[in-house]
C-alpha atoms as a PDB file:
ATOM      1  CA  MET A   1     -49.437  76.506  24.572  1.00  0.00           C
ATOM      2  CA  PHE A   2     -49.841  72.866  25.493  1.00  0.00           C
ATOM      3  CA  TRP A   3     -46.349  71.887  24.296  1.00  0.00           C
ATOM      4  CA  ARG A   4     -44.572  74.490  26.419  1.00  0.00           C
ATOM      5  CA  ASP A   5     -46.649  73.581  29.478  1.00  0.00           C
ATOM      6  CA  ALA A   6     -46.052  69.858  28.990  1.00  0.00           C
ATOM      7  CA  VAL A   7     -42.280  70.115  28.920  1.00  0.00           C
ATOM      8  CA  GLY A   8     -41.955  72.651  31.706  1.00  0.00           C
ATOM      9  CA  SER A   9     -38.511  74.060  32.384  1.00  0.00           C
ATOM     10  CA  ARG A  10     -36.705  72.592  29.371  1.00  0.00           C
ATOM     11  CA  GLY A  11     -36.890  75.963  27.641  1.00  0.00           C
ATOM     12  CA  ALA A  12     -38.552  77.383  24.572  1.00  0.00           C
ATOM     13  CA  ASP A  13     -37.304  74.621  22.273  1.00  0.00           C
ATOM     14  CA  PRO A  14     -37.226  71.393  24.290  1.00  0.00           C
ATOM     15  CA  LEU A  15     -36.511  69.247  21.240  1.00  0.00           C
ATOM     16  CA  PRO A  16     -34.279  71.021  18.726  1.00  0.00           C
ATOM     17  CA  GLU A  17     -34.683  70.155  15.080  1.00  0.00           C
ATOM     18  CA  SER A  18     -32.517  67.338  13.809  1.00  0.00           C
ATOM     19  CA  PRO A  19     -29.748  68.758  11.570  1.00  0.00           C
ATOM     20  CA  GLY A  20     -30.262  65.924   9.085  1.00  0.00           C
ATOM     21  CA  GLY A  21     -34.032  66.319   8.988  1.00  0.00           C
ATOM     22  CA  GLY A  22     -36.538  63.983  10.527  1.00  0.00           C
ATOM     23  CA  ARG A  23     -37.988  64.195  13.994  1.00  0.00           C
ATOM     24  CA  SER A  24     -36.694  66.633  16.546  1.00  0.00           C
ATOM     25  CA  THR A  25     -34.698  65.024  19.309  1.00  0.00           C
ATOM     26  CA  ASP A  26     -32.728  65.847  22.427  1.00  0.00           C
ATOM     27  CA  PRO A  27     -28.993  65.355  21.800  1.00  0.00           C
ATOM     28  CA  THR A  28     -28.436  64.498  25.473  1.00  0.00           C
ATOM     29  CA  TRP A  29     -30.589  61.382  25.148  1.00  0.00           C
ATOM     30  CA  THR A  30     -27.913  58.749  24.884  1.00  0.00           C
ATOM     31  CA  GLU A  31     -29.639  55.885  26.701  1.00  0.00           C
ATOM     32  CA  ARG A  32     -32.220  53.655  25.062  1.00  0.00           C
ATOM     33  CA  ARG A  33     -34.372  51.378  27.201  1.00  0.00           C
ATOM     34  CA  LEU A  34     -37.576  49.464  26.797  1.00  0.00           C
ATOM     35  CA  VAL A  35     -40.296  50.704  29.119  1.00  0.00           C
ATOM     36  CA  PRO A  36     -43.466  48.638  29.458  1.00  0.00           C
ATOM     37  CA  LEU A  37     -46.709  50.599  29.038  1.00  0.00           C
ATOM     38  CA  ALA A  38     -50.385  49.829  29.320  1.00  0.00           C
ATOM     39  CA  SER A  39     -52.186  50.174  26.014  1.00  0.00           C
ATOM     40  CA  ARG A  40     -54.289  53.010  27.462  1.00  0.00           C
ATOM     41  CA  THR A  41     -51.078  54.876  28.347  1.00  0.00           C
ATOM     42  CA  LEU A  42     -49.749  54.543  24.817  1.00  0.00           C
ATOM     43  CA  GLU A  43     -53.093  55.716  23.446  1.00  0.00           C
ATOM     44  CA  ARG A  44     -52.943  58.779  25.697  1.00  0.00           C
ATOM     45  CA  LEU A  45     -49.362  59.508  24.622  1.00  0.00           C
ATOM     46  CA  GLU A  46     -50.507  59.268  20.990  1.00  0.00           C
ATOM     47  CA  GLN A  47     -53.265  61.802  21.719  1.00  0.00           C
ATOM     48  CA  ILE A  48     -50.796  64.139  23.404  1.00  0.00           C
ATOM     49  CA  ALA A  49     -48.334  63.909  20.492  1.00  0.00           C
ATOM     50  CA  LYS A  50     -51.133  64.706  18.059  1.00  0.00           C
ATOM     51  CA  THR A  51     -52.235  67.687  20.139  1.00  0.00           C
ATOM     52  CA  ILE A  52     -48.661  69.004  20.176  1.00  0.00           C
ATOM     53  CA  ARG A  53     -48.489  68.783  16.364  1.00  0.00           C
ATOM     54  CA  ASP A  54     -51.975  70.269  15.922  1.00  0.00           C
ATOM     55  CA  GLN A  55     -51.028  73.250  18.093  1.00  0.00           C
ATOM     56  CA  GLY A  56     -47.972  74.047  15.999  1.00  0.00           C
ATOM     57  CA  GLY A  57     -45.389  72.204  18.076  1.00  0.00           C
ATOM     58  CA  PRO A  58     -42.739  69.931  16.605  1.00  0.00           C
ATOM     59  CA  ALA A  59     -43.468  66.537  15.111  1.00  0.00           C
ATOM     60  CA  VAL A  60     -42.887  64.258  18.072  1.00  0.00           C
ATOM     61  CA  ALA A  61     -43.513  60.576  18.555  1.00  0.00           C
ATOM     62  CA  PRO A  62     -45.596  59.353  21.488  1.00  0.00           C
ATOM     63  CA  LEU A  63     -42.571  57.874  23.256  1.00  0.00           C
ATOM     64  CA  GLN A  64     -40.651  61.142  22.869  1.00  0.00           C
ATOM     65  CA  VAL A  65     -43.498  62.732  24.813  1.00  0.00           C
ATOM     66  CA  ALA A  66     -43.160  59.945  27.392  1.00  0.00           C
ATOM     67  CA  ALA A  67     -39.427  60.627  27.732  1.00  0.00           C
ATOM     68  CA  LEU A  68     -40.018  64.349  28.268  1.00  0.00           C
ATOM     69  CA  LEU A  69     -42.720  63.684  30.855  1.00  0.00           C
ATOM     70  CA  LEU A  70     -40.508  61.142  32.626  1.00  0.00           C
ATOM     71  CA  GLU A  71     -37.657  63.656  32.817  1.00  0.00           C
ATOM     72  CA  ARG A  72     -40.014  66.320  34.132  1.00  0.00           C
ATOM     73  CA  ALA A  73     -41.408  63.979  36.781  1.00  0.00           C
ATOM     74  CA  THR A  74     -38.006  62.778  37.978  1.00  0.00           C
ATOM     75  CA  ASP A  75     -36.601  66.307  38.074  1.00  0.00           C
ATOM     76  CA  GLY A  76     -39.463  67.331  40.356  1.00  0.00           C
ATOM     77  CA  LEU A  77     -39.261  64.322  42.676  1.00  0.00           C
ATOM     78  CA  ASP A  78     -37.977  65.138  46.149  1.00  0.00           C
ATOM     79  CA  ASP A  79     -37.163  62.851  49.091  1.00  0.00           C
ATOM     80  CA  ARG A  80     -40.770  62.907  50.279  1.00  0.00           C
ATOM     81  CA  GLY A  81     -41.997  61.826  46.855  1.00  0.00           C
ATOM     82  CA  ILE A  82     -39.446  59.015  46.786  1.00  0.00           C
ATOM     83  CA  ALA A  83     -40.593  57.869  50.232  1.00  0.00           C
ATOM     84  CA  GLU A  84     -44.198  57.845  48.999  1.00  0.00           C
ATOM     85  CA  LEU A  85     -43.187  55.742  45.990  1.00  0.00           C
ATOM     86  CA  ALA A  86     -41.475  53.288  48.318  1.00  0.00           C
ATOM     87  CA  GLN A  87     -44.873  52.617  49.920  1.00  0.00           C
ATOM     88  CA  VAL A  88     -46.636  51.790  46.634  1.00  0.00           C
ATOM     89  CA  ARG A  89     -47.415  48.120  46.234  1.00  0.00           C
ATOM     90  CA  VAL A  90     -47.716  46.838  42.684  1.00  0.00           C
ATOM     91  CA  PRO A  91     -50.463  44.228  42.311  1.00  0.00           C
END
């Protein structure tokens, strides 16, 4: 299933249901930050969120998907990956 593959090692239920209803969320998410995105990135995140819902996953917002993907990417980043990022030059 796309949802399980997208969130990787977070387990079978990466975003538990909110006890008060509403969207599922991760109770360990205590930080809130603004992250700039290209419009094409937001559009892709919207597509991914829709696919998750259409495949029977939880109702997630596009930026919840972004947060999960960001956690997955940072968890998998080793020293070599960090060194490669240090060489990237932003235009």
